[in-house]
């Protein structure tokens, strides 16, 4: 009996506790989040471009989050690659201009 209650409580806790990392956020569809949060994970940190939009294209479903067209869903992984290349350039710039404190 107690194991049934524990299993139920564990599932309720998982539903109540919000995602704590970006990786956990990517496990859920963007349509469950508020509009400002969706835009952040589409345009600032393009997490939706590498998980949400390709999944919609493969499943053939409409986007309920922002109403993106099918061609965008199919090309979204390329946007993720572009963001990766930009991030690598920023990283290289930071490494080149890094100065240790000496301590």
Protein backbone atom coordinates (compact mmCIF):
# COMPACT_ATOMS: atom_id res chain seq x y z
CA UNK A 1 0.00 0.00 0.00
CA UNK A 2 2.72 2.49 0.92
CA UNK A 3 4.56 1.79 -2.34
CA UNK A 4 1.43 2.76 -4.28
CA UNK A 5 1.18 6.02 -2.36
CA UNK A 6 4.91 6.72 -2.81
CA UNK A 7 4.67 6.12 -6.55
CA UNK A 8 1.70 8.48 -6.78
CA UNK A 9 3.40 11.19 -4.71
CA UNK A 10 6.60 10.91 -6.77
CA UNK A 11 4.69 11.43 -10.00
CA UNK A 12 2.82 14.42 -8.57
CA UNK A 13 6.09 15.99 -7.38
CA UNK A 14 7.60 15.61 -10.82
CA UNK A 15 4.60 17.36 -12.36
CA UNK A 16 4.73 20.27 -9.90
CA UNK A 17 8.49 20.96 -9.86
CA UNK A 18 9.47 23.14 -12.85
CA UNK A 19 12.43 22.19 -15.04
CA UNK A 20 15.68 23.33 -13.43
CA UNK A 21 18.05 23.09 -16.38
CA UNK A 22 17.94 23.97 -20.04
CA UNK A 23 18.24 20.28 -20.91
CA UNK A 24 15.14 19.49 -18.86
CA UNK A 25 13.26 22.34 -20.53
CA UNK A 26 13.93 20.73 -23.92
CA UNK A 27 12.15 17.56 -22.83
CA UNK A 28 8.77 19.28 -22.93
CA UNK A 29 6.91 20.84 -25.88
CA UNK A 30 7.29 24.62 -26.13
CA UNK A 31 3.52 25.03 -26.31
CA UNK A 32 3.21 24.45 -22.53
CA UNK A 33 5.34 27.49 -21.67
CA UNK A 34 4.43 31.18 -21.56
CA UNK A 35 4.96 33.22 -24.76
CA UNK A 36 8.03 35.12 -23.49
CA UNK A 37 9.65 31.83 -22.45
CA UNK A 38 8.92 30.30 -25.87
CA UNK A 39 10.50 33.25 -27.64
CA UNK A 40 13.56 33.01 -25.41
CA UNK A 41 14.04 29.34 -26.31
CA UNK A 42 13.45 29.95 -30.00
CA UNK A 43 15.36 33.16 -30.68
CA UNK A 44 17.92 33.60 -27.86
CA UNK A 45 18.85 30.02 -26.97
CA UNK A 46 17.49 28.07 -29.94
CA UNK A 47 16.63 24.94 -27.98
CA UNK A 48 13.37 24.64 -29.89
CA UNK A 49 15.31 24.57 -33.14
CA UNK A 50 17.09 21.36 -32.22
CA UNK A 51 14.27 19.50 -30.50
CA UNK A 52 10.75 20.92 -30.77
CA UNK A 53 10.49 22.01 -34.41
CA UNK A 54 12.17 18.91 -35.94
CA UNK A 55 9.87 16.68 -33.87
CA UNK A 56 6.84 18.55 -35.23
CA UNK A 57 8.13 18.13 -38.79
CA UNK A 58 8.72 14.39 -38.34
CA UNK A 59 5.31 13.86 -36.72
CA UNK A 60 3.56 16.09 -39.27
CA UNK A 61 1.84 18.19 -36.61
CA UNK A 62 1.01 21.88 -36.58
CA UNK A 63 2.91 24.22 -34.30
CA UNK A 64 0.60 25.49 -31.56
CA UNK A 65 3.33 27.54 -29.85
CA UNK A 66 4.04 30.20 -32.48
CA UNK A 67 2.37 28.87 -35.63
CA UNK A 68 5.58 28.23 -37.58
CA UNK A 69 5.30 26.98 -41.17
CA UNK A 70 6.37 23.46 -42.14
CA UNK A 71 9.46 24.66 -44.08
CA UNK A 72 10.73 26.36 -40.90
CA UNK A 73 10.23 23.19 -38.88
CA UNK A 74 12.27 21.21 -41.41
CA UNK A 75 15.08 23.78 -41.60
CA UNK A 76 15.23 24.45 -37.84
CA UNK A 77 18.21 22.12 -37.19
CA UNK A 78 20.26 24.32 -39.55
CA UNK A 79 19.50 27.30 -37.31
CA UNK A 80 20.86 25.28 -34.39
CA UNK A 81 24.06 24.60 -36.32
CA UNK A 82 24.43 28.31 -37.18
CA UNK A 83 23.99 29.18 -33.50
CA UNK A 84 26.65 26.60 -32.61
CA UNK A 85 29.11 28.13 -35.09
CA UNK A 86 28.49 31.62 -33.72
CA UNK A 87 28.93 30.33 -30.16
CA UNK A 88 32.24 28.69 -31.08
CA UNK A 89 33.49 31.98 -32.55
CA UNK A 90 32.55 33.83 -29.36
CA UNK A 91 34.29 31.12 -27.31
CA UNK A 92 37.48 31.39 -29.40
CA UNK A 93 37.43 35.18 -29.03
CA UNK A 94 37.12 34.82 -25.26
CA UNK A 95 39.98 32.30 -25.08
CA UNK A 96 42.25 34.52 -27.19
CA UNK A 97 41.62 37.54 -24.96
CA UNK A 98 41.68 35.71 -21.63
CA UNK A 99 44.05 37.11 -19.01
CA UNK A 100 44.78 35.17 -15.85
CA UNK A 101 44.78 36.94 -12.50
CA UNK A 102 48.07 35.22 -11.67
CA UNK A 103 46.94 33.87 -8.36
